Every structure is written in C-alpha cells, then in structure tokens.
Amino acid sequence: MIEHTRCTWKGMNGDPFYEAYHDHEWGVPEWDSRALWEKLVLDGFQAGLSWITILRKREAFRAAFADFDPEKVARFGDADRARLMADAGIIRSNGKIDATIAGARIYLDMRERGEDFGRFLWDMVGGAPIQNRWRAGEVPAQTPLAVEMSKALKAKGFKFCGPVIVYAFMQATGLVNDHLVTCFRHEACGALANRPD
C-alpha cells in the first residue's frame, strides 16, 4: 500500500473516512452552483462544531434537505421545519435550518434575476482557483478575500457565512488550493484550474 504525505489535519491520520474526503474531494474545484450551495450550507451547519461531525452526517443532511434541491427547500414550511428539528441525523438548530430555507430562496431569486450562484463565487476569485503554497502552520483561518466574499454573501441575505466559514468553504470547494505544498494532493488540485464553459 502506498503511503501519502497529507495535509496535517487534526484527527485525520488513520481515519479512512476522513482521509478519503481529503484525498478525493477537498480542494477539488467545484463548478456546479447547486453543489456549491450545498457545501456552503454544510459549512454553515459546522459553525461551532468539527467538520468531521458534519461530514459523517452529510448523507442524513442530504436526505433531510431533499438532496439540497433549492426549489424543493425553498418550499419548506412549518411541517418541514418541525420534521427537521426532530431529525437526530442532522444538527438541529432553529437558526441554521431557517438560514438554509431562506438561502434556497435567495439562490432562486439570484437565478431568477439572471445571476448564477457559482459564477458569482468564482468571479470573486478571478474565475480560477487561487494557488497558495502553504506549509504546516501557515494556513490562515481567513483572508481578506474571504472577508470580502462573506460580506457579499451577507449583502444578498445569506446567513452563517462569516469569513472563517467562508474560507473553509473556499478551501473545500477549490476556490483556493490550500493543500500544503508537502501534500500529495497539492499539485493534482492545482492542475484542475480551468473553469468548464
């Protein structure tokens, strides 16, 4: 079995589930608007928790939120909200559930006005992943661009999208390549820099 040098995430080494996420998903550029919205929602649910907690509950979240179909989530009403608050498979937070439903409506409003959610995000990083070259201990919790993106999302009405959450989102979706330069995924993710048009 080939051993790889990975990013130095707390709790990852030796956890096959977490390592698979790191090796195959984290930092890979995501261009699909719906998938980007799903990830932003999940990062919002992470607030105050560890990412592995959310990752292990991701399939339950998908089931609870209709596979994060914005059109379906936007129609959620009081019965859906009560169902979600009773669902032990997800994080039961009134504020985060309400923010998700409202976020679906904002997503659809953007689309109705001709503004694509994914393009809105990618345009903020110049249309291609920002290629960072961090070493262990150098990766920031947020950047000036994350602050700017957070403000832009909040101006549209999105919630649970402070700069730390937004930077984690940017890293996970490949808006920035923050695999450490010593990580075997750094160069591979760096090569995935072209937006499909």
C-alpha atoms as a PDB file:
ATOM      1  CA  MET A   1       0.000   0.000   0.000  1.00  0.00           C
ATOM      2  CA  ILE A   2       1.324   3.437  -0.984  1.00  0.00           C
ATOM      3  CA  GLU A   3       1.711   5.910   1.871  1.00  0.00           C
ATOM      4  CA  HIS A   4       0.986   9.542   1.030  1.00  0.00           C
ATOM      5  CA  THR A   5       2.047  12.698   2.786  1.00  0.00           C
ATOM      6  CA  ARG A   6      -1.164  14.569   3.528  1.00  0.00           C
ATOM      7  CA  CYS A   7      -2.209  17.879   4.994  1.00  0.00           C
ATOM      8  CA  THR A   8      -1.855  17.933   8.765  1.00  0.00           C
ATOM      9  CA  TRP A   9      -5.493  18.000   9.845  1.00  0.00           C
ATOM     10  CA  LYS A  10      -6.220  17.177  13.462  1.00  0.00           C
ATOM     11  CA  GLY A  11      -7.879  13.781  13.727  1.00  0.00           C
ATOM     12  CA  MET A  12      -7.449  12.799  10.079  1.00  0.00           C
ATOM     13  CA  ASN A  13      -4.447  10.488  10.048  1.00  0.00           C
ATOM     14  CA  GLY A  14      -5.587   6.917  10.383  1.00  0.00           C
ATOM     15  CA  ASP A  15      -9.281   7.719   9.785  1.00  0.00           C
ATOM     16  CA  PRO A  16     -10.076   6.155   6.380  1.00  0.00           C
ATOM     17  CA  PHE A  17     -13.316   8.136   6.006  1.00  0.00           C
ATOM     18  CA  TYR A  18     -11.625  11.473   6.668  1.00  0.00           C
ATOM     19  CA  GLU A  19      -8.590  10.570   4.546  1.00  0.00           C
ATOM     20  CA  ALA A  20     -10.841   9.641   1.602  1.00  0.00           C
ATOM     21  CA  TYR A  21     -12.559  13.035   1.842  1.00  0.00           C
ATOM     22  CA  HIS A  22      -9.188  14.782   1.869  1.00  0.00           C
ATOM     23  CA  ASP A  23      -7.765  12.669  -0.958  1.00  0.00           C
ATOM     24  CA  HIS A  24     -10.700  12.784  -3.378  1.00  0.00           C
ATOM     25  CA  GLU A  25     -12.906  15.785  -2.629  1.00  0.00           C
ATOM     26  CA  TRP A  26     -11.390  18.569  -0.521  1.00  0.00           C
ATOM     27  CA  GLY A  27      -9.778  21.236  -2.664  1.00  0.00           C
ATOM     28  CA  VAL A  28     -11.105  19.875  -5.967  1.00  0.00           C
ATOM     29  CA  PRO A  29     -12.663  22.821  -7.852  1.00  0.00           C
ATOM     30  CA  GLU A  30     -16.455  22.619  -7.741  1.00  0.00           C
ATOM     31  CA  TRP A  31     -18.161  24.489 -10.560  1.00  0.00           C
ATOM     32  CA  ASP A  32     -21.768  23.353 -10.097  1.00  0.00           C
ATOM     33  CA  SER A  33     -23.930  26.036  -8.465  1.00  0.00           C
ATOM     34  CA  ARG A  34     -26.201  23.618  -6.614  1.00  0.00           C
ATOM     35  CA  ALA A  35     -23.246  21.670  -5.221  1.00  0.00           C
ATOM     36  CA  LEU A  36     -21.584  24.920  -4.131  1.00  0.00           C
ATOM     37  CA  TRP A  37     -24.751  25.997  -2.310  1.00  0.00           C
ATOM     38  CA  GLU A  38     -24.960  22.601  -0.575  1.00  0.00           C
ATOM     39  CA  LYS A  39     -21.381  22.945   0.630  1.00  0.00           C
ATOM     40  CA  LEU A  40     -21.960  26.497   1.867  1.00  0.00           C
ATOM     41  CA  VAL A  41     -24.984  25.270   3.833  1.00  0.00           C
ATOM     42  CA  LEU A  42     -22.999  22.401   5.353  1.00  0.00           C
ATOM     43  CA  ASP A  43     -20.162  24.739   6.291  1.00  0.00           C
ATOM     44  CA  GLY A  44     -22.748  26.961   7.979  1.00  0.00           C
ATOM     45  CA  PHE A  45     -24.024  23.989   9.970  1.00  0.00           C
ATOM     46  CA  GLN A  46     -20.430  23.335  11.033  1.00  0.00           C
ATOM     47  CA  ALA A  47     -20.251  26.614  12.975  1.00  0.00           C
ATOM     48  CA  GLY A  48     -19.190  25.659  16.499  1.00  0.00           C
ATOM     49  CA  LEU A  49     -18.545  22.017  15.550  1.00  0.00           C
ATOM     50  CA  SER A  50     -15.834  19.969  13.868  1.00  0.00           C
ATOM     51  CA  TRP A  51     -16.007  19.329  10.129  1.00  0.00           C
ATOM     52  CA  ILE A  52     -15.810  15.555  10.605  1.00  0.00           C
ATOM     53  CA  THR A  53     -19.087  15.727  12.572  1.00  0.00           C
ATOM     54  CA  ILE A  54     -20.826  17.321   9.574  1.00  0.00           C
ATOM     55  CA  LEU A  55     -19.083  15.038   7.098  1.00  0.00           C
ATOM     56  CA  ARG A  56     -20.327  11.943   8.918  1.00  0.00           C
ATOM     57  CA  LYS A  57     -23.871  13.354   8.868  1.00  0.00           C
ATOM     58  CA  ARG A  58     -23.747  14.544   5.242  1.00  0.00           C
ATOM     59  CA  GLU A  59     -25.969  11.790   3.817  1.00  0.00           C
ATOM     60  CA  ALA A  60     -28.540  12.424   6.553  1.00  0.00           C
ATOM     61  CA  PHE A  61     -28.444  16.134   5.698  1.00  0.00           C
ATOM     62  CA  ARG A  62     -28.980  15.314   2.019  1.00  0.00           C
ATOM     63  CA  ALA A  63     -31.969  13.133   2.850  1.00  0.00           C
ATOM     64  CA  ALA A  64     -33.425  15.746   5.210  1.00  0.00           C
ATOM     65  CA  PHE A  65     -32.976  18.648   2.774  1.00  0.00           C
ATOM     66  CA  ALA A  66     -34.220  16.941  -0.432  1.00  0.00           C
ATOM     67  CA  ASP A  67     -30.678  16.491  -1.811  1.00  0.00           C
ATOM     68  CA  PHE A  68     -30.228  20.239  -1.406  1.00  0.00           C
ATOM     69  CA  ASP A  69     -32.503  20.973  -4.337  1.00  0.00           C
ATOM     70  CA  PRO A  70     -33.067  24.724  -3.871  1.00  0.00           C
ATOM     71  CA  GLU A  71     -36.503  24.603  -5.491  1.00  0.00           C
ATOM     72  CA  LYS A  72     -37.704  21.974  -3.009  1.00  0.00           C
ATOM     73  CA  VAL A  73     -36.019  23.505   0.045  1.00  0.00           C
ATOM     74  CA  ALA A  74     -37.417  26.953  -0.793  1.00  0.00           C
ATOM     75  CA  ARG A  75     -40.927  25.496  -0.428  1.00  0.00           C
ATOM     76  CA  PHE A  76     -40.271  24.053   3.039  1.00  0.00           C
ATOM     77  CA  GLY A  77     -42.878  25.232   5.528  1.00  0.00           C
ATOM     78  CA  ASP A  78     -43.705  24.768   9.177  1.00  0.00           C
ATOM     79  CA  ALA A  79     -44.213  20.988   8.901  1.00  0.00           C
ATOM     80  CA  ASP A  80     -40.804  20.573   7.229  1.00  0.00           C
ATOM     81  CA  ARG A  81     -39.172  22.766   9.825  1.00  0.00           C
ATOM     82  CA  ALA A  82     -40.693  20.656  12.625  1.00  0.00           C
ATOM     83  CA  ARG A  83     -39.543  17.483  10.836  1.00  0.00           C
ATOM     84  CA  LEU A  84     -36.005  18.824  10.598  1.00  0.00           C
ATOM     85  CA  MET A  85     -35.935  19.857  14.258  1.00  0.00           C
ATOM     86  CA  ALA A  86     -36.935  16.283  15.168  1.00  0.00           C
ATOM     87  CA  ASP A  87     -34.304  14.660  12.910  1.00  0.00           C
ATOM     88  CA  ALA A  88     -31.467  13.326  15.090  1.00  0.00           C
ATOM     89  CA  GLY A  89     -29.438  12.589  11.970  1.00  0.00           C
ATOM     90  CA  ILE A  90     -28.676  16.264  11.392  1.00  0.00           C
ATOM     91  CA  ILE A  91     -27.679  19.237  13.527  1.00  0.00           C
ATOM     92  CA  ARG A  92     -30.938  20.519  14.998  1.00  0.00           C
ATOM     93  CA  SER A  93     -30.591  24.284  15.099  1.00  0.00           C
ATOM     94  CA  ASN A  94     -33.532  26.604  14.509  1.00  0.00           C
ATOM     95  CA  GLY A  95     -31.281  29.347  13.190  1.00  0.00           C
ATOM     96  CA  LYS A  96     -29.333  27.128  10.806  1.00  0.00           C
ATOM     97  CA  ILE A  97     -32.456  25.397   9.475  1.00  0.00           C
ATOM     98  CA  ASP A  98     -34.155  28.746   8.898  1.00  0.00           C
ATOM     99  CA  ALA A  99     -30.996  30.070   7.215  1.00  0.00           C
ATOM    100  CA  THR A 100     -30.964  27.073   4.865  1.00  0.00           C
ATOM    101  CA  ILE A 101     -34.570  27.567   3.802  1.00  0.00           C
ATOM    102  CA  ALA A 102     -34.024  31.305   3.351  1.00  0.00           C
ATOM    103  CA  GLY A 103     -30.784  30.599   1.492  1.00  0.00           C
ATOM    104  CA  ALA A 104     -32.621  28.397  -1.014  1.00  0.00           C
ATOM    105  CA  ARG A 105     -34.990  31.273  -1.697  1.00  0.00           C
ATOM    106  CA  ILE A 106     -32.083  33.689  -2.166  1.00  0.00           C
ATOM    107  CA  TYR A 107     -30.383  31.208  -4.528  1.00  0.00           C
ATOM    108  CA  LEU A 108     -33.569  31.019  -6.628  1.00  0.00           C
ATOM    109  CA  ASP A 109     -34.003  34.793  -6.550  1.00  0.00           C
ATOM    110  CA  MET A 110     -30.469  35.199  -7.868  1.00  0.00           C
ATOM    111  CA  ARG A 111     -31.199  32.726 -10.658  1.00  0.00           C
ATOM    112  CA  GLU A 112     -34.486  34.475 -11.484  1.00  0.00           C
ATOM    113  CA  ARG A 113     -32.533  37.717 -11.897  1.00  0.00           C
ATOM    114  CA  GLY A 114     -30.030  36.011 -14.200  1.00  0.00           C
ATOM    115  CA  GLU A 115     -27.243  35.712 -11.618  1.00  0.00           C
ATOM    116  CA  ASP A 116     -25.673  32.259 -11.374  1.00  0.00           C
ATOM    117  CA  PHE A 117     -24.591  31.398  -7.814  1.00  0.00           C
ATOM    118  CA  GLY A 118     -21.488  29.532  -8.938  1.00  0.00           C
ATOM    119  CA  ARG A 119     -20.341  32.230 -11.340  1.00  0.00           C
ATOM    120  CA  PHE A 120     -20.921  34.853  -8.619  1.00  0.00           C
ATOM    121  CA  LEU A 121     -18.497  32.963  -6.340  1.00  0.00           C
ATOM    122  CA  TRP A 122     -15.922  32.074  -8.979  1.00  0.00           C
ATOM    123  CA  ASP A 123     -15.831  35.622 -10.346  1.00  0.00           C
ATOM    124  CA  MET A 124     -14.756  36.754  -6.877  1.00  0.00           C
ATOM    125  CA  VAL A 125     -11.558  34.672  -7.209  1.00  0.00           C
ATOM    126  CA  GLY A 126     -10.929  35.693 -10.821  1.00  0.00           C
ATOM    127  CA  GLY A 127     -12.533  32.611 -12.403  1.00  0.00           C
ATOM    128  CA  ALA A 128      -9.857  30.122 -11.379  1.00  0.00           C
ATOM    129  CA  PRO A 129      -8.592  28.649  -8.097  1.00  0.00           C
ATOM    130  CA  ILE A 130      -6.118  30.752  -6.147  1.00  0.00           C
ATOM    131  CA  GLN A 131      -2.955  28.685  -5.869  1.00  0.00           C
ATOM    132  CA  ASN A 132      -1.489  29.015  -2.389  1.00  0.00           C
ATOM    133  CA  ARG A 133       1.784  27.460  -1.293  1.00  0.00           C
ATOM    134  CA  TRP A 134       1.372  26.993   2.436  1.00  0.00           C
ATOM    135  CA  ARG A 135       3.470  24.867   4.726  1.00  0.00           C
ATOM    136  CA  ALA A 136       2.309  23.368   8.018  1.00  0.00           C
ATOM    137  CA  GLY A 137       1.310  26.092  10.458  1.00  0.00           C
ATOM    138  CA  GLU A 138       0.960  28.791   7.794  1.00  0.00           C
ATOM    139  CA  VAL A 139      -2.649  28.313   6.629  1.00  0.00           C
ATOM    140  CA  PRO A 140      -4.795  31.223   7.863  1.00  0.00           C
ATOM    141  CA  ALA A 141      -8.293  30.864   9.305  1.00  0.00           C
ATOM    142  CA  GLN A 142      -9.492  33.624   6.981  1.00  0.00           C
ATOM    143  CA  THR A 143      -8.159  36.009   4.350  1.00  0.00           C
ATOM    144  CA  PRO A 144      -9.138  39.480   3.119  1.00  0.00           C
ATOM    145  CA  LEU A 145     -10.847  37.811   0.138  1.00  0.00           C
ATOM    146  CA  ALA A 146     -12.853  35.574   2.493  1.00  0.00           C
ATOM    147  CA  VAL A 147     -13.948  38.709   4.355  1.00  0.00           C
ATOM    148  CA  GLU A 148     -15.000  40.268   1.035  1.00  0.00           C
ATOM    149  CA  MET A 149     -16.891  37.139  -0.062  1.00  0.00           C
ATOM    150  CA  SER A 150     -18.569  36.902   3.349  1.00  0.00           C
ATOM    151  CA  LYS A 151     -19.762  40.498   3.059  1.00  0.00           C
ATOM    152  CA  ALA A 152     -21.045  39.878  -0.490  1.00  0.00           C
ATOM    153  CA  LEU A 153     -22.988  36.783   0.609  1.00  0.00           C
ATOM    154  CA  LYS A 154     -24.429  38.572   3.640  1.00  0.00           C
ATOM    155  CA  ALA A 155     -25.448  41.506   1.433  1.00  0.00           C
ATOM    156  CA  LYS A 156     -27.573  39.045  -0.555  1.00  0.00           C
ATOM    157  CA  GLY A 157     -29.149  37.804   2.682  1.00  0.00           C
ATOM    158  CA  PHE A 158     -27.235  34.561   3.293  1.00  0.00           C
ATOM    159  CA  LYS A 159     -26.536  33.720   6.936  1.00  0.00           C
ATOM    160  CA  PHE A 160     -23.916  31.615   8.755  1.00  0.00           C
ATOM    161  CA  CYS A 161     -21.319  32.797   6.273  1.00  0.00           C
ATOM    162  CA  GLY A 162     -18.765  34.697   8.326  1.00  0.00           C
ATOM    163  CA  PRO A 163     -15.216  34.955   6.968  1.00  0.00           C
ATOM    164  CA  VAL A 164     -13.901  31.852   8.795  1.00  0.00           C
ATOM    165  CA  ILE A 165     -16.790  29.722   7.499  1.00  0.00           C
ATOM    166  CA  VAL A 166     -16.386  31.208   4.029  1.00  0.00           C
ATOM    167  CA  TYR A 167     -12.659  30.496   3.965  1.00  0.00           C
ATOM    168  CA  ALA A 168     -13.265  26.863   4.955  1.00  0.00           C
ATOM    169  CA  PHE A 169     -15.850  26.748   2.144  1.00  0.00           C
ATOM    170  CA  MET A 170     -13.364  28.264  -0.331  1.00  0.00           C
ATOM    171  CA  GLN A 171     -10.778  25.652   0.626  1.00  0.00           C
ATOM    172  CA  ALA A 172     -13.178  22.719   0.399  1.00  0.00           C
ATOM    173  CA  THR A 173     -14.604  23.700  -2.985  1.00  0.00           C
ATOM    174  CA  GLY A 174     -11.263  24.511  -4.605  1.00  0.00           C
ATOM    175  CA  LEU A 175     -11.828  28.248  -4.894  1.00  0.00           C
ATOM    176  CA  VAL A 176      -8.406  28.250  -3.259  1.00  0.00           C
ATOM    177  CA  ASN A 177      -5.899  25.411  -3.359  1.00  0.00           C
ATOM    178  CA  ASP A 178      -4.848  25.146   0.272  1.00  0.00           C
ATOM    179  CA  HIS A 179      -3.382  21.670   0.237  1.00  0.00           C
ATOM    180  CA  LEU A 180       0.038  22.089   1.833  1.00  0.00           C
ATOM    181  CA  VAL A 181       2.922  22.099  -0.613  1.00  0.00           C
ATOM    182  CA  THR A 182       4.115  18.920   1.106  1.00  0.00           C
ATOM    183  CA  CYS A 183       0.748  17.194   0.478  1.00  0.00           C
ATOM    184  CA  PHE A 184       0.487  14.765  -2.418  1.00  0.00           C
ATOM    185  CA  ARG A 185      -2.790  16.464  -3.493  1.00  0.00           C
ATOM    186  CA  HIS A 186      -1.314  19.966  -3.871  1.00  0.00           C
ATOM    187  CA  GLU A 187      -0.107  19.632  -7.450  1.00  0.00           C
ATOM    188  CA  ALA A 188      -3.073  17.495  -8.538  1.00  0.00           C
ATOM    189  CA  CYS A 189      -5.610  20.071  -7.342  1.00  0.00           C
ATOM    190  CA  GLY A 190      -3.501  22.859  -8.800  1.00  0.00           C
ATOM    191  CA  ALA A 191      -3.792  21.228 -12.216  1.00  0.00           C
ATOM    192  CA  LEU A 192      -7.611  21.423 -12.071  1.00  0.00           C
ATOM    193  CA  ALA A 193      -7.685  25.168 -12.546  1.00  0.00           C
ATOM    194  CA  ASN A 194      -9.758  25.726 -15.677  1.00  0.00           C
ATOM    195  CA  ARG A 195     -13.453  26.569 -15.486  1.00  0.00           C
ATOM    196  CA  PRO A 196     -15.548  24.472 -17.866  1.00  0.00           C
ATOM    197  CA  ASP A 197     -17.539  26.855 -20.104  1.00  0.00           C
END
